[in-house]
Every structure is written in structure tokens, then in C-alpha cells.
Amino acid sequence: MTDLETSMATIIAVFQKYSEREGDKHKLKKSELKDLLHDELPDLMEHVKDQAALDGLMESLDADGDAECDFQEFMTFVSVVTVCCHDFFEHEDE
């Protein structure tokens, strides 16, 4: 597989690893999302000091209002964070 194909497969595998823990295996419950963020993005989460901000993140990801995060909602989050990281590193080189 190419690097991009491997990255895509990894994102899917990480989502499934956490979503399969409880309830609907195609959606992340709030507790599963928190575990995923803390385990898989520890450097990013190190900068999140406010629990309310984390709760707000979950609410903002929940586009359909079902109190869970499906794969499309999760990918929106991954995309936004990736764009922010790209912008940060792009400006760091200047």
C-alpha cells in the first residue's frame, strides 16, 4: 500500500478500535471519543486544560444530534485538526 492508503486504513482501524468498545460499533460514545483523543493524540490533548472545551468539541462534532460521533463526524474532526497542523507548520518555516 502507498503511504496515503496506509494512513487511511490506520484512521479507519483507530476509529473501529474505539467504537467497538460499547454500544453501536459504527459510532463513538463520548467516553470512547475521550479515550481515543487521550490515547491517540496525547500531544494535542496535553494542551487541552479545560474539560468544558472537550465537552464542547464533542457537541460540535455531533452534527446529527444523536450524542455520538459517527465516522463522518470523526473525519470532519481529523480533517480540521490536520489542516490546523498543516497551517501551523507551514508558518513555522517562514
N, C-alpha and C. Protein backbone atom coordinates (compact mmCIF):
# COMPACT_ATOMS: atom_id res chain seq x y z
N MET A 1 0.85 -1.19 0.00
CA MET A 1 0.00 0.00 0.00
C MET A 1 0.89 1.25 0.00
N THR A 2 0.36 2.30 -0.56
CA THR A 2 1.07 3.57 -0.55
C THR A 2 0.97 4.19 0.85
N ASP A 3 1.74 5.24 1.09
CA ASP A 3 1.67 5.93 2.38
C ASP A 3 0.27 6.45 2.66
N LEU A 4 -0.37 7.02 1.65
CA LEU A 4 -1.72 7.57 1.85
C LEU A 4 -2.73 6.46 2.12
N GLU A 5 -2.63 5.37 1.39
CA GLU A 5 -3.53 4.23 1.62
C GLU A 5 -3.34 3.67 3.03
N THR A 6 -2.11 3.58 3.47
CA THR A 6 -1.82 3.11 4.82
C THR A 6 -2.39 4.05 5.86
N SER A 7 -2.25 5.34 5.63
CA SER A 7 -2.79 6.33 6.56
C SER A 7 -4.31 6.24 6.64
N MET A 8 -4.96 6.07 5.51
CA MET A 8 -6.42 5.95 5.50
C MET A 8 -6.86 4.69 6.26
N ALA A 9 -6.18 3.59 6.02
CA ALA A 9 -6.50 2.34 6.70
C ALA A 9 -6.28 2.48 8.21
N THR A 10 -5.25 3.21 8.60
CA THR A 10 -4.96 3.42 10.02
C THR A 10 -6.06 4.24 10.68
N ILE A 11 -6.51 5.28 10.03
CA ILE A 11 -7.59 6.11 10.58
C ILE A 11 -8.84 5.25 10.79
N ILE A 12 -9.18 4.44 9.82
CA ILE A 12 -10.35 3.56 9.94
C ILE A 12 -10.16 2.58 11.10
N ALA A 13 -8.98 1.98 11.18
CA ALA A 13 -8.71 1.00 12.24
C ALA A 13 -8.76 1.63 13.62
N VAL A 14 -8.24 2.83 13.76
CA VAL A 14 -8.27 3.52 15.06
C VAL A 14 -9.72 3.83 15.44
N PHE A 15 -10.51 4.33 14.51
CA PHE A 15 -11.92 4.61 14.80
C PHE A 15 -12.62 3.33 15.28
N GLN A 16 -12.43 2.24 14.55
CA GLN A 16 -13.10 0.98 14.89
C GLN A 16 -12.61 0.41 16.22
N LYS A 17 -11.35 0.58 16.51
CA LYS A 17 -10.78 0.09 17.77
C LYS A 17 -11.52 0.68 18.97
N TYR A 18 -11.90 1.94 18.88
CA TYR A 18 -12.58 2.60 19.99
C TYR A 18 -14.10 2.48 19.89
N SER A 19 -14.64 2.51 18.68
CA SER A 19 -16.10 2.46 18.53
C SER A 19 -16.67 1.10 18.89
N GLU A 20 -15.87 0.06 18.81
CA GLU A 20 -16.36 -1.29 19.08
C GLU A 20 -16.41 -1.62 20.57
N ARG A 21 -15.97 -0.70 21.42
CA ARG A 21 -15.90 -0.98 22.85
C ARG A 21 -17.28 -1.09 23.51
N GLU A 22 -18.22 -0.22 23.13
CA GLU A 22 -19.55 -0.26 23.73
C GLU A 22 -20.59 0.11 22.67
N GLY A 23 -21.78 -0.39 22.84
CA GLY A 23 -22.91 0.02 22.01
C GLY A 23 -22.70 -0.16 20.52
N ASP A 24 -23.13 0.85 19.77
CA ASP A 24 -23.07 0.85 18.31
C ASP A 24 -21.62 0.87 17.84
N LYS A 25 -21.21 -0.17 17.13
CA LYS A 25 -19.81 -0.26 16.71
C LYS A 25 -19.46 0.70 15.57
N HIS A 26 -20.46 1.43 15.07
CA HIS A 26 -20.21 2.39 14.00
C HIS A 26 -20.19 3.82 14.49
N LYS A 27 -20.28 3.98 15.82
CA LYS A 27 -20.27 5.33 16.40
C LYS A 27 -19.46 5.32 17.69
N LEU A 28 -18.88 6.49 17.97
CA LEU A 28 -18.15 6.67 19.21
C LEU A 28 -19.05 7.33 20.25
N LYS A 29 -19.16 6.72 21.41
CA LYS A 29 -19.81 7.38 22.53
C LYS A 29 -18.83 8.43 23.06
N LYS A 30 -19.32 9.33 23.89
CA LYS A 30 -18.49 10.40 24.44
C LYS A 30 -17.26 9.80 25.14
N SER A 31 -17.46 8.76 25.93
CA SER A 31 -16.33 8.16 26.67
C SER A 31 -15.32 7.53 25.71
N GLU A 32 -15.79 6.92 24.63
CA GLU A 32 -14.90 6.32 23.64
C GLU A 32 -14.10 7.39 22.91
N LEU A 33 -14.77 8.50 22.58
CA LEU A 33 -14.08 9.60 21.91
C LEU A 33 -13.01 10.19 22.81
N LYS A 34 -13.33 10.36 24.09
CA LYS A 34 -12.33 10.89 25.03
C LYS A 34 -11.13 9.95 25.13
N ASP A 35 -11.39 8.65 25.22
CA ASP A 35 -10.29 7.68 25.27
C ASP A 35 -9.44 7.76 24.00
N LEU A 36 -10.09 7.82 22.86
CA LEU A 36 -9.39 7.91 21.58
C LEU A 36 -8.50 9.15 21.55
N LEU A 37 -9.05 10.29 21.92
CA LEU A 37 -8.28 11.54 21.88
C LEU A 37 -7.08 11.48 22.82
N HIS A 38 -7.29 10.99 24.03
CA HIS A 38 -6.20 10.93 25.01
C HIS A 38 -5.14 9.90 24.63
N ASP A 39 -5.56 8.76 24.08
CA ASP A 39 -4.61 7.69 23.73
C ASP A 39 -3.90 7.93 22.41
N GLU A 40 -4.63 8.45 21.42
CA GLU A 40 -4.09 8.56 20.06
C GLU A 40 -3.55 9.94 19.72
N LEU A 41 -3.94 10.97 20.49
CA LEU A 41 -3.45 12.34 20.26
C LEU A 41 -2.96 12.95 21.57
N PRO A 42 -2.05 12.26 22.26
CA PRO A 42 -1.64 12.75 23.59
C PRO A 42 -0.97 14.12 23.56
N ASP A 43 -0.18 14.41 22.55
CA ASP A 43 0.48 15.71 22.48
C ASP A 43 -0.52 16.84 22.29
N LEU A 44 -1.52 16.60 21.48
CA LEU A 44 -2.57 17.60 21.28
C LEU A 44 -3.39 17.78 22.56
N MET A 45 -3.75 16.67 23.18
CA MET A 45 -4.61 16.73 24.37
C MET A 45 -3.87 17.33 25.57
N GLU A 46 -2.56 17.30 25.54
CA GLU A 46 -1.76 17.91 26.60
C GLU A 46 -2.07 19.40 26.72
N HIS A 47 -2.48 20.01 25.61
CA HIS A 47 -2.76 21.44 25.59
C HIS A 47 -4.21 21.77 25.92
N VAL A 48 -5.05 20.76 26.07
CA VAL A 48 -6.45 20.98 26.42
C VAL A 48 -6.57 20.88 27.93
N LYS A 49 -6.73 22.02 28.58
CA LYS A 49 -6.78 22.07 30.04
C LYS A 49 -8.21 22.15 30.55
N ASP A 50 -9.13 22.53 29.69
CA ASP A 50 -10.50 22.81 30.10
C ASP A 50 -11.42 21.66 29.69
N GLN A 51 -12.00 20.97 30.67
CA GLN A 51 -12.91 19.85 30.39
C GLN A 51 -14.12 20.33 29.58
N ALA A 52 -14.57 21.56 29.86
CA ALA A 52 -15.72 22.10 29.13
C ALA A 52 -15.40 22.24 27.64
N ALA A 53 -14.15 22.55 27.33
CA ALA A 53 -13.75 22.66 25.92
C ALA A 53 -13.84 21.29 25.24
N LEU A 54 -13.46 20.25 25.96
CA LEU A 54 -13.55 18.90 25.40
C LEU A 54 -15.01 18.50 25.20
N ASP A 55 -15.86 18.84 26.16
CA ASP A 55 -17.29 18.57 26.02
C ASP A 55 -17.88 19.35 24.84
N GLY A 56 -17.43 20.58 24.69
CA GLY A 56 -17.89 21.40 23.57
C GLY A 56 -17.45 20.82 22.24
N LEU A 57 -16.25 20.24 22.21
CA LEU A 57 -15.77 19.59 20.99
C LEU A 57 -16.70 18.46 20.59
N MET A 58 -17.08 17.64 21.55
CA MET A 58 -17.98 16.51 21.28
C MET A 58 -19.31 17.02 20.72
N GLU A 59 -19.84 18.07 21.34
CA GLU A 59 -21.11 18.62 20.86
C GLU A 59 -20.98 19.18 19.46
N SER A 60 -19.87 19.85 19.17
CA SER A 60 -19.70 20.44 17.84
C SER A 60 -19.50 19.37 16.76
N LEU A 61 -18.92 18.24 17.14
CA LEU A 61 -18.73 17.14 16.18
C LEU A 61 -20.04 16.43 15.87
N ASP A 62 -20.96 16.47 16.80
CA ASP A 62 -22.21 15.71 16.71
C ASP A 62 -23.21 16.43 15.80
N ALA A 63 -22.96 16.36 14.50
CA ALA A 63 -23.77 17.09 13.52
C ALA A 63 -25.23 16.64 13.51
N ASP A 64 -25.49 15.36 13.78
CA ASP A 64 -26.87 14.87 13.71
C ASP A 64 -27.58 14.85 15.07
N GLY A 65 -26.89 15.30 16.13
CA GLY A 65 -27.52 15.45 17.43
C GLY A 65 -27.86 14.16 18.16
N ASP A 66 -27.18 13.05 17.84
CA ASP A 66 -27.52 11.78 18.50
C ASP A 66 -26.62 11.47 19.70
N ALA A 67 -25.81 12.45 20.12
CA ALA A 67 -24.91 12.33 21.27
C ALA A 67 -23.81 11.30 21.05
N GLU A 68 -23.55 10.95 19.80
CA GLU A 68 -22.46 10.06 19.44
C GLU A 68 -21.75 10.64 18.22
N CYS A 69 -20.57 10.13 17.94
CA CYS A 69 -19.76 10.61 16.84
C CYS A 69 -19.60 9.49 15.82
N ASP A 70 -20.25 9.64 14.66
CA ASP A 70 -20.10 8.61 13.63
C ASP A 70 -18.81 8.86 12.84
N PHE A 71 -18.52 7.98 11.90
CA PHE A 71 -17.24 8.08 11.19
C PHE A 71 -17.12 9.37 10.40
N GLN A 72 -18.20 9.81 9.77
CA GLN A 72 -18.13 11.05 9.00
C GLN A 72 -17.85 12.24 9.92
N GLU A 73 -18.49 12.27 11.07
CA GLU A 73 -18.24 13.35 12.04
C GLU A 73 -16.80 13.28 12.55
N PHE A 74 -16.32 12.08 12.79
CA PHE A 74 -14.94 11.89 13.22
C PHE A 74 -13.96 12.38 12.15
N MET A 75 -14.24 12.07 10.90
CA MET A 75 -13.36 12.51 9.82
C MET A 75 -13.37 14.02 9.66
N THR A 76 -14.48 14.65 9.96
CA THR A 76 -14.51 16.12 9.95
C THR A 76 -13.51 16.65 10.97
N PHE A 77 -13.52 16.06 12.16
CA PHE A 77 -12.57 16.45 13.21
C PHE A 77 -11.13 16.21 12.76
N VAL A 78 -10.84 15.02 12.23
CA VAL A 78 -9.48 14.70 11.78
C VAL A 78 -9.03 15.68 10.71
N SER A 79 -9.92 16.01 9.79
CA SER A 79 -9.59 16.94 8.71
C SER A 79 -9.28 18.33 9.24
N VAL A 80 -10.11 18.82 10.15
CA VAL A 80 -9.90 20.16 10.71
C VAL A 80 -8.58 20.22 11.48
N VAL A 81 -8.32 19.23 12.31
CA VAL A 81 -7.07 19.21 13.07
C VAL A 81 -5.87 19.11 12.14
N THR A 82 -5.98 18.31 11.09
CA THR A 82 -4.88 18.16 10.14
C THR A 82 -4.61 19.47 9.41
N VAL A 83 -5.66 20.17 9.01
CA VAL A 83 -5.48 21.47 8.35
C VAL A 83 -4.82 22.46 9.30
N CYS A 84 -5.25 22.48 10.54
CA CYS A 84 -4.64 23.39 11.53
C CYS A 84 -3.15 23.07 11.73
N CYS A 85 -2.83 21.81 11.81
CA CYS A 85 -1.43 21.40 11.95
C CYS A 85 -0.62 21.81 10.72
N HIS A 86 -1.18 21.61 9.56
CA HIS A 86 -0.50 22.00 8.32
C HIS A 86 -0.24 23.50 8.32
N ASP A 87 -1.25 24.29 8.67
CA ASP A 87 -1.10 25.74 8.70
C ASP A 87 -0.03 26.16 9.70
N PHE A 88 -0.02 25.51 10.86
CA PHE A 88 0.96 25.83 11.90
C PHE A 88 2.38 25.56 11.38
N PHE A 89 2.61 24.38 10.81
CA PHE A 89 3.95 24.02 10.36
C PHE A 89 4.35 24.80 9.11
N GLU A 90 3.37 25.17 8.30
CA GLU A 90 3.67 25.98 7.11
C GLU A 90 4.20 27.34 7.53
N HIS A 91 3.60 27.94 8.56
CA HIS A 91 4.04 29.26 9.03
C HIS A 91 5.29 29.18 9.90
N GLU A 92 5.53 28.02 10.48
CA GLU A 92 6.73 27.84 11.30
C GLU A 92 7.99 27.91 10.46
N ASP A 93 7.89 27.52 9.19
CA ASP A 93 9.05 27.53 8.29
C ASP A 93 9.42 28.92 7.84
N GLU A 94 8.52 29.87 7.99
CA GLU A 94 8.77 31.24 7.49
C GLU A 94 9.69 32.02 8.39
